[in-house]
PDB file of all heavy atoms in Angstrom:
ATOM      1  N   LYS A   1       2.621  -4.973   6.491  1.00  0.00           N
ATOM      2  CA  LYS A   1       2.005  -3.715   7.123  1.00  0.00           C
ATOM      3  C   LYS A   1       1.734  -2.680   6.303  1.00  0.00           C
ATOM      4  O   LYS A   1       0.894  -1.890   6.393  1.00  0.00           O
ATOM      5  CB  LYS A   1       2.990  -3.396   8.302  1.00  0.00           C
ATOM      6  CG  LYS A   1       2.899  -4.295   9.516  1.00  0.00           C
ATOM      7  CD  LYS A   1       3.890  -3.830  10.614  1.00  0.00           C
ATOM      8  CE  LYS A   1       4.137  -4.935  11.553  1.00  0.00           C
ATOM      9  NZ  LYS A   1       5.184  -4.664  12.482  1.00  0.00           N
ATOM     10  N   ALA A   2       2.658  -2.524   5.277  1.00  0.00           N
ATOM     11  CA  ALA A   2       2.749  -1.317   4.251  1.00  0.00           C
ATOM     12  C   ALA A   2       1.327  -1.539   3.520  1.00  0.00           C
ATOM     13  O   ALA A   2       0.711  -0.643   2.932  1.00  0.00           O
ATOM     14  CB  ALA A   2       3.862  -1.293   3.359  1.00  0.00           C
ATOM     15  N   ARG A   3       0.888  -2.762   3.296  1.00  0.00           N
ATOM     16  CA  ARG A   3      -0.279  -3.060   2.621  1.00  0.00           C
ATOM     17  C   ARG A   3      -1.611  -2.194   3.199  1.00  0.00           C
ATOM     18  O   ARG A   3      -2.421  -1.816   2.453  1.00  0.00           O
ATOM     19  CB  ARG A   3      -0.550  -4.516   2.590  1.00  0.00           C
ATOM     20  CG  ARG A   3      -0.921  -5.034   1.241  1.00  0.00           C
ATOM     21  CD  ARG A   3      -0.964  -6.565   1.378  1.00  0.00           C
ATOM     22  NE  ARG A   3      -2.280  -7.022   0.939  1.00  0.00           N
ATOM     23  CZ  ARG A   3      -3.179  -7.526   1.610  1.00  0.00           C
ATOM     24  NH1 ARG A   3      -3.096  -7.773   2.949  1.00  0.00           N
ATOM     25  NH2 ARG A   3      -4.381  -7.926   1.113  1.00  0.00           N
ATOM     26  N   GLY A   4      -1.588  -2.192   4.474  1.00  0.00           N
ATOM     27  CA  GLY A   4      -2.638  -1.446   5.127  1.00  0.00           C
ATOM     28  C   GLY A   4      -3.747  -2.359   5.479  1.00  0.00           C
ATOM     29  O   GLY A   4      -3.677  -3.611   5.477  1.00  0.00           O
ATOM     30  N   ALA A   5      -4.924  -1.778   5.702  1.00  0.00           N
ATOM     31  CA  ALA A   5      -6.103  -2.560   6.223  1.00  0.00           C
ATOM     32  C   ALA A   5      -6.871  -3.255   5.115  1.00  0.00           C
ATOM     33  O   ALA A   5      -6.360  -3.460   4.051  1.00  0.00           O
ATOM     34  CB  ALA A   5      -7.010  -1.386   6.991  1.00  0.00           C
ATOM     35  N   ASN A   6      -8.067  -3.366   5.336  1.00  0.00           N
ATOM     36  CA  ASN A   6      -8.927  -3.945   4.368  1.00  0.00           C
ATOM     37  C   ASN A   6      -9.134  -3.040   3.208  1.00  0.00           C
ATOM     38  O   ASN A   6      -9.789  -1.868   3.428  1.00  0.00           O
ATOM     39  CB  ASN A   6     -10.340  -4.432   5.066  1.00  0.00           C
ATOM     40  CG  ASN A   6     -11.307  -5.008   4.073  1.00  0.00           C
ATOM     41  OD1 ASN A   6     -10.972  -5.362   2.974  1.00  0.00           O
ATOM     42  ND2 ASN A   6     -12.474  -5.293   4.547  1.00  0.00           N
ATOM     43  N   TYR A   7      -8.834  -3.393   2.086  1.00  0.00           N
ATOM     44  CA  TYR A   7      -8.951  -2.503   0.841  1.00  0.00           C
ATOM     45  C   TYR A   7     -10.150  -1.907   0.670  1.00  0.00           C
ATOM     46  O   TYR A   7     -10.452  -0.778   0.354  1.00  0.00           O
ATOM     47  CB  TYR A   7      -8.366  -3.280  -0.349  1.00  0.00           C
ATOM     48  CG  TYR A   7      -8.080  -2.342  -1.461  1.00  0.00           C
ATOM     49  CD1 TYR A   7      -6.826  -1.668  -1.559  1.00  0.00           C
ATOM     50  CD2 TYR A   7      -9.001  -2.130  -2.418  1.00  0.00           C
ATOM     51  CE1 TYR A   7      -6.556  -0.923  -2.607  1.00  0.00           C
ATOM     52  CE2 TYR A   7      -8.617  -1.346  -3.595  1.00  0.00           C
ATOM     53  CZ  TYR A   7      -7.324  -0.607  -3.594  1.00  0.00           C
ATOM     54  OH  TYR A   7      -7.122   0.149  -4.606  1.00  0.00           O
ATOM     55  N   ALA A   8     -11.302  -2.692   0.851  1.00  0.00           N
ATOM     56  CA  ALA A   8     -12.754  -2.353   0.575  1.00  0.00           C
ATOM     57  C   ALA A   8     -13.128  -1.184   1.515  1.00  0.00           C
ATOM     58  O   ALA A   8     -13.984  -0.393   1.052  1.00  0.00           O
ATOM     59  CB  ALA A   8     -13.642  -3.490   0.599  1.00  0.00           C
ATOM     60  N   ASP A   9     -12.544  -1.010   2.550  1.00  0.00           N
ATOM     61  CA  ASP A   9     -12.894  -0.109   3.639  1.00  0.00           C
ATOM     62  C   ASP A   9     -12.204   1.255   3.510  1.00  0.00           C
ATOM     63  O   ASP A   9     -12.545   2.164   4.318  1.00  0.00           O
ATOM     64  CB  ASP A   9     -12.653  -0.687   5.076  1.00  0.00           C
ATOM     65  CG  ASP A   9     -13.667  -1.861   5.364  1.00  0.00           C
ATOM     66  OD1 ASP A   9     -14.736  -2.016   4.740  1.00  0.00           O
ATOM     67  OD2 ASP A   9     -13.308  -2.552   6.310  1.00  0.00           O
ATOM     68  N   MET A  10     -11.194   1.296   2.638  1.00  0.00           N
ATOM     69  CA  MET A  10     -10.435   2.534   2.445  1.00  0.00           C
ATOM     70  C   MET A  10     -11.121   3.565   1.592  1.00  0.00           C
ATOM     71  O   MET A  10     -11.843   3.167   0.693  1.00  0.00           O
ATOM     72  CB  MET A  10      -9.081   2.049   1.742  1.00  0.00           C
ATOM     73  CG  MET A  10      -8.194   1.195   2.564  1.00  0.00           C
ATOM     74  SD  MET A  10      -6.584   0.929   1.643  1.00  0.00           S
ATOM     75  CE  MET A  10      -5.798  -0.106   2.629  1.00  0.00           C
ATOM     76  N   THR A  11     -10.762   4.780   1.889  1.00  0.00           N
ATOM     77  CA  THR A  11     -11.244   5.871   1.049  1.00  0.00           C
ATOM     78  C   THR A  11     -10.231   5.922  -0.189  1.00  0.00           C
ATOM     79  O   THR A  11      -9.186   5.364  -0.082  1.00  0.00           O
ATOM     80  CB  THR A  11     -11.082   7.108   1.850  1.00  0.00           C
ATOM     81  OG1 THR A  11      -9.691   7.415   2.138  1.00  0.00           O
ATOM     82  CG2 THR A  11     -11.809   7.271   3.050  1.00  0.00           C
ATOM     83  N   PRO A  12     -10.725   6.559  -1.239  1.00  0.00           N
ATOM     84  CA  PRO A  12      -9.678   6.783  -2.375  1.00  0.00           C
ATOM     85  C   PRO A  12      -8.359   7.342  -2.045  1.00  0.00           C
ATOM     86  O   PRO A  12      -7.455   6.865  -2.462  1.00  0.00           O
ATOM     87  CB  PRO A  12     -10.518   7.783  -3.182  1.00  0.00           C
ATOM     88  CG  PRO A  12     -11.953   7.540  -2.858  1.00  0.00           C
ATOM     89  CD  PRO A  12     -11.920   7.301  -1.560  1.00  0.00           C
ATOM     90  N   GLU A  13      -8.322   8.214  -0.942  1.00  0.00           N
ATOM     91  CA  GLU A  13      -6.985   8.722  -0.658  1.00  0.00           C
ATOM     92  C   GLU A  13      -6.302   7.777   0.073  1.00  0.00           C
ATOM     93  O   GLU A  13      -4.982   7.560  -0.063  1.00  0.00           O
ATOM     94  CB  GLU A  13      -7.278   9.944   0.291  1.00  0.00           C
ATOM     95  CG  GLU A  13      -7.752  11.204  -0.333  1.00  0.00           C
ATOM     96  CD  GLU A  13      -9.331  11.146  -0.706  1.00  0.00           C
ATOM     97  OE1 GLU A  13      -9.997  10.335   0.054  1.00  0.00           O
ATOM     98  OE2 GLU A  13      -9.759  11.947  -1.537  1.00  0.00           O
ATOM     99  N   GLN A  14      -6.862   6.862   0.980  1.00  0.00           N
ATOM    100  CA  GLN A  14      -6.021   5.876   1.618  1.00  0.00           C
ATOM    101  C   GLN A  14      -5.691   4.841   0.737  1.00  0.00           C
ATOM    102  O   GLN A  14      -4.569   4.310   0.831  1.00  0.00           O
ATOM    103  CB  GLN A  14      -7.017   5.235   2.742  1.00  0.00           C
ATOM    104  CG  GLN A  14      -7.398   6.178   3.946  1.00  0.00           C
ATOM    105  CD  GLN A  14      -8.467   5.514   4.830  1.00  0.00           C
ATOM    106  OE1 GLN A  14      -9.410   4.893   4.350  1.00  0.00           O
ATOM    107  NE2 GLN A  14      -8.428   5.788   6.123  1.00  0.00           N
ATOM    108  N   LYS A  15      -6.572   4.477  -0.353  1.00  0.00           N
ATOM    109  CA  LYS A  15      -6.026   3.532  -1.373  1.00  0.00           C
ATOM    110  C   LYS A  15      -4.861   3.970  -2.170  1.00  0.00           C
ATOM    111  O   LYS A  15      -3.819   3.289  -2.272  1.00  0.00           O
ATOM    112  CB  LYS A  15      -7.174   3.372  -2.382  1.00  0.00           C
ATOM    113  CG  LYS A  15      -8.341   2.482  -1.748  1.00  0.00           C
ATOM    114  CD  LYS A  15      -9.410   2.321  -2.717  1.00  0.00           C
ATOM    115  CE  LYS A  15     -10.584   1.469  -2.136  1.00  0.00           C
ATOM    116  NZ  LYS A  15     -11.764   1.315  -3.160  1.00  0.00           N
ATOM    117  N   MET A  16      -4.856   5.304  -2.358  1.00  0.00           N
ATOM    118  CA  MET A  16      -3.553   5.965  -3.178  1.00  0.00           C
ATOM    119  C   MET A  16      -2.374   5.934  -2.142  1.00  0.00           C
ATOM    120  O   MET A  16      -1.259   5.622  -2.573  1.00  0.00           O
ATOM    121  CB  MET A  16      -3.977   7.199  -3.662  1.00  0.00           C
ATOM    122  CG  MET A  16      -4.832   7.352  -4.913  1.00  0.00           C
ATOM    123  SD  MET A  16      -4.816   8.916  -5.679  1.00  0.00           S
ATOM    124  CE  MET A  16      -6.260   9.633  -4.954  1.00  0.00           C
ATOM    125  N   GLU A  17      -2.639   6.081  -0.861  1.00  0.00           N
ATOM    126  CA  GLU A  17      -1.433   6.127   0.059  1.00  0.00           C
ATOM    127  C   GLU A  17      -0.932   4.735   0.222  1.00  0.00           C
ATOM    128  O   GLU A  17       0.343   4.502   0.313  1.00  0.00           O
ATOM    129  CB  GLU A  17      -1.853   6.697   1.440  1.00  0.00           C
ATOM    130  CG  GLU A  17      -0.723   6.732   2.379  1.00  0.00           C
ATOM    131  CD  GLU A  17       0.457   7.627   1.944  1.00  0.00           C
ATOM    132  OE1 GLU A  17       0.263   8.635   1.150  1.00  0.00           O
ATOM    133  OE2 GLU A  17       1.524   7.277   2.326  1.00  0.00           O
ATOM    134  N   SER A  18      -1.980   3.673   0.456  1.00  0.00           N
ATOM    135  CA  SER A  18      -1.517   2.264   0.467  1.00  0.00           C
ATOM    136  C   SER A  18      -0.706   1.845  -0.722  1.00  0.00           C
ATOM    137  O   SER A  18       0.381   1.206  -0.662  1.00  0.00           O
ATOM    138  CB  SER A  18      -2.846   1.443   0.594  1.00  0.00           C
ATOM    139  OG  SER A  18      -2.395   0.028   0.708  1.00  0.00           O
ATOM    140  N   SER A  19      -1.139   2.388  -1.971  1.00  0.00           N
ATOM    141  CA  SER A  19      -0.300   1.995  -3.193  1.00  0.00           C
ATOM    142  C   SER A  19       1.081   2.640  -3.162  1.00  0.00           C
ATOM    143  O   SER A  19       1.965   1.952  -3.587  1.00  0.00           O
ATOM    144  CB  SER A  19      -1.172   2.462  -4.380  1.00  0.00           C
ATOM    145  OG  SER A  19      -0.510   2.249  -5.576  1.00  0.00           O
ATOM    146  N   ARG A  20       1.107   3.904  -2.643  1.00  0.00           N
ATOM    147  CA  ARG A  20       2.485   4.476  -2.474  1.00  0.00           C
ATOM    148  C   ARG A  20       3.346   3.638  -1.577  1.00  0.00           C
ATOM    149  O   ARG A  20       4.481   3.533  -1.836  1.00  0.00           O
ATOM    150  CB  ARG A  20       2.338   5.855  -2.088  1.00  0.00           C
ATOM    151  CG  ARG A  20       1.917   6.915  -2.934  1.00  0.00           C
ATOM    152  CD  ARG A  20       1.843   8.260  -2.308  1.00  0.00           C
ATOM    153  NE  ARG A  20       0.981   9.237  -3.178  1.00  0.00           N
ATOM    154  CZ  ARG A  20      -0.154   9.571  -2.883  1.00  0.00           C
ATOM    155  NH1 ARG A  20      -0.755   9.180  -1.633  1.00  0.00           N
ATOM    156  NH2 ARG A  20      -0.903  10.344  -3.662  1.00  0.00           N
ATOM    157  N   ASN A  21       2.794   3.138  -0.356  1.00  0.00           N
ATOM    158  CA  ASN A  21       3.455   2.410   0.379  1.00  0.00           C
ATOM    159  C   ASN A  21       4.070   1.175  -0.039  1.00  0.00           C
ATOM    160  O   ASN A  21       5.219   0.684   0.019  1.00  0.00           O
ATOM    161  CB  ASN A  21       2.695   2.062   1.769  1.00  0.00           C
ATOM    162  CG  ASN A  21       2.546   3.253   2.709  1.00  0.00           C
ATOM    163  OD1 ASN A  21       3.261   4.274   2.579  1.00  0.00           O
ATOM    164  ND2 ASN A  21       1.464   3.302   3.374  1.00  0.00           N
ATOM    165  N   ILE A  22       3.062   0.470  -0.840  1.00  0.00           N
ATOM    166  CA  ILE A  22       3.574  -0.812  -1.505  1.00  0.00           C
ATOM    167  C   ILE A  22       4.529  -0.589  -2.504  1.00  0.00           C
ATOM    168  O   ILE A  22       5.537  -1.305  -2.636  1.00  0.00           O
ATOM    169  CB  ILE A  22       2.207  -1.435  -2.166  1.00  0.00           C
ATOM    170  CG1 ILE A  22       1.340  -1.993  -1.049  1.00  0.00           C
ATOM    171  CG2 ILE A  22       2.571  -2.593  -3.124  1.00  0.00           C
ATOM    172  CD1 ILE A  22      -0.089  -2.480  -1.539  1.00  0.00           C
ATOM    173  N   SER A  23       4.488   0.522  -3.332  1.00  0.00           N
ATOM    174  CA  SER A  23       5.491   0.804  -4.325  1.00  0.00           C
ATOM    175  C   SER A  23       6.842   0.897  -3.634  1.00  0.00           C
ATOM    176  O   SER A  23       7.894   0.667  -4.300  1.00  0.00           O
ATOM    177  CB  SER A  23       5.041   2.063  -5.011  1.00  0.00           C
ATOM    178  OG  SER A  23       4.014   1.897  -5.899  1.00  0.00           O
ATOM    179  N   ARG A  24       6.889   1.582  -2.422  1.00  0.00           N
ATOM    180  CA  ARG A  24       8.170   1.804  -1.816  1.00  0.00           C
ATOM    181  C   ARG A  24       8.813   0.309  -1.394  1.00  0.00           C
ATOM    182  O   ARG A  24       9.939   0.199  -1.099  1.00  0.00           O
ATOM    183  CB  ARG A  24       7.946   2.662  -0.508  1.00  0.00           C
ATOM    184  CG  ARG A  24       7.770   4.038  -0.887  1.00  0.00           C
ATOM    185  CD  ARG A  24       7.875   4.880   0.438  1.00  0.00           C
ATOM    186  NE  ARG A  24       7.129   6.127   0.266  1.00  0.00           N
ATOM    187  CZ  ARG A  24       5.873   6.446   0.675  1.00  0.00           C
ATOM    188  NH1 ARG A  24       5.207   5.568   1.428  1.00  0.00           N
ATOM    189  NH2 ARG A  24       5.383   7.570   0.210  1.00  0.00           N
ATOM    190  N   MET A  25       7.825  -0.546  -1.061  1.00  0.00           N
ATOM    191  CA  MET A  25       8.307  -1.992  -0.473  1.00  0.00           C
ATOM    192  C   MET A  25       8.708  -2.992  -1.595  1.00  0.00           C
ATOM    193  O   MET A  25       9.455  -3.761  -1.290  1.00  0.00           O
ATOM    194  CB  MET A  25       7.260  -2.397   0.524  1.00  0.00           C
ATOM    195  CG  MET A  25       6.895  -1.473   1.690  1.00  0.00           C
ATOM    196  SD  MET A  25       8.291  -0.988   2.612  1.00  0.00           S
ATOM    197  CE  MET A  25       8.657  -2.564   3.476  1.00  0.00           C
ATOM    198  N   ILE A  26       8.157  -2.789  -2.749  1.00  0.00           N
ATOM    199  CA  ILE A  26       8.393  -3.794  -3.668  1.00  0.00           C
ATOM    200  C   ILE A  26       9.886  -4.071  -3.934  1.00  0.00           C
ATOM    201  O   ILE A  26      10.327  -5.130  -4.183  1.00  0.00           O
ATOM    202  CB  ILE A  26       7.588  -3.495  -5.084  1.00  0.00           C
ATOM    203  CG1 ILE A  26       6.033  -3.749  -4.831  1.00  0.00           C
ATOM    204  CG2 ILE A  26       8.156  -4.399  -6.169  1.00  0.00           C
ATOM    205  CD1 ILE A  26       5.225  -3.371  -5.834  1.00  0.00           C
ATOM    206  N   PRO A  27      10.640  -3.004  -4.026  1.00  0.00           N
ATOM    207  CA  PRO A  27      12.194  -3.157  -4.299  1.00  0.00           C
ATOM    208  C   PRO A  27      12.719  -4.017  -3.168  1.00  0.00           C
ATOM    209  O   PRO A  27      13.774  -4.837  -3.407  1.00  0.00           O
ATOM    210  CB  PRO A  27      12.787  -1.833  -4.326  1.00  0.00           C
ATOM    211  CG  PRO A  27      11.649  -0.943  -4.695  1.00  0.00           C
ATOM    212  CD  PRO A  27      10.348  -1.466  -4.085  1.00  0.00           C
ATOM    213  N   ASN A  28      12.210  -3.984  -1.863  1.00  0.00           N
ATOM    214  CA  ASN A  28      12.708  -4.906  -0.923  1.00  0.00           C
ATOM    215  C   ASN A  28      12.534  -6.334  -1.149  1.00  0.00           C
ATOM    216  O   ASN A  28      13.329  -7.153  -0.933  1.00  0.00           O
ATOM    217  CB  ASN A  28      12.010  -4.580   0.471  1.00  0.00           C
ATOM    218  CG  ASN A  28      12.406  -3.056   0.988  1.00  0.00           C
ATOM    219  OD1 ASN A  28      13.429  -2.544   0.503  1.00  0.00           O
ATOM    220  ND2 ASN A  28      11.567  -2.438   1.872  1.00  0.00           N
ATOM    221  N   ILE A  29      11.382  -6.634  -1.625  1.00  0.00           N
ATOM    222  CA  ILE A  29      10.948  -7.950  -2.024  1.00  0.00           C
ATOM    223  C   ILE A  29      12.004  -8.349  -3.143  1.00  0.00           C
ATOM    224  O   ILE A  29      12.445  -9.543  -3.177  1.00  0.00           O
ATOM    225  CB  ILE A  29       9.552  -8.274  -2.585  1.00  0.00           C
ATOM    226  CG1 ILE A  29       8.542  -7.878  -1.447  1.00  0.00           C
ATOM    227  CG2 ILE A  29       9.294  -9.569  -3.070  1.00  0.00           C
ATOM    228  CD1 ILE A  29       7.020  -7.791  -1.964  1.00  0.00           C
ATOM    229  N   MET A  30      12.123  -7.632  -4.169  1.00  0.00           N
ATOM    230  CA  MET A  30      12.898  -8.051  -5.195  1.00  0.00           C
ATOM    231  C   MET A  30      14.402  -8.156  -4.715  1.00  0.00           C
ATOM    232  O   MET A  30      15.180  -9.055  -5.212  1.00  0.00           O
ATOM    233  CB  MET A  30      12.839  -6.896  -6.389  1.00  0.00           C
ATOM    234  CG  MET A  30      11.565  -6.800  -6.937  1.00  0.00           C
ATOM    235  SD  MET A  30      10.784  -8.382  -7.342  1.00  0.00           S
ATOM    236  CE  MET A  30       9.102  -8.182  -6.616  1.00  0.00           C
ATOM    237  N   ALA A  31      14.813  -7.349  -3.810  1.00  0.00           N
ATOM    238  CA  ALA A  31      16.360  -7.494  -3.306  1.00  0.00           C
ATOM    239  C   ALA A  31      16.444  -8.832  -2.620  1.00  0.00           C
ATOM    240  O   ALA A  31      17.482  -9.353  -2.685  1.00  0.00           O
ATOM    241  CB  ALA A  31      16.620  -6.208  -2.329  1.00  0.00           C
TER     242      ALA A  31
END
């Protein structure tokens, strides 16, 4: 869910926000 919608349809701001969300979630995968 943190990944967000279709990447190609995102604005640059949405892409950066999606990237922030993914960065927050990666430690959960590693844990």
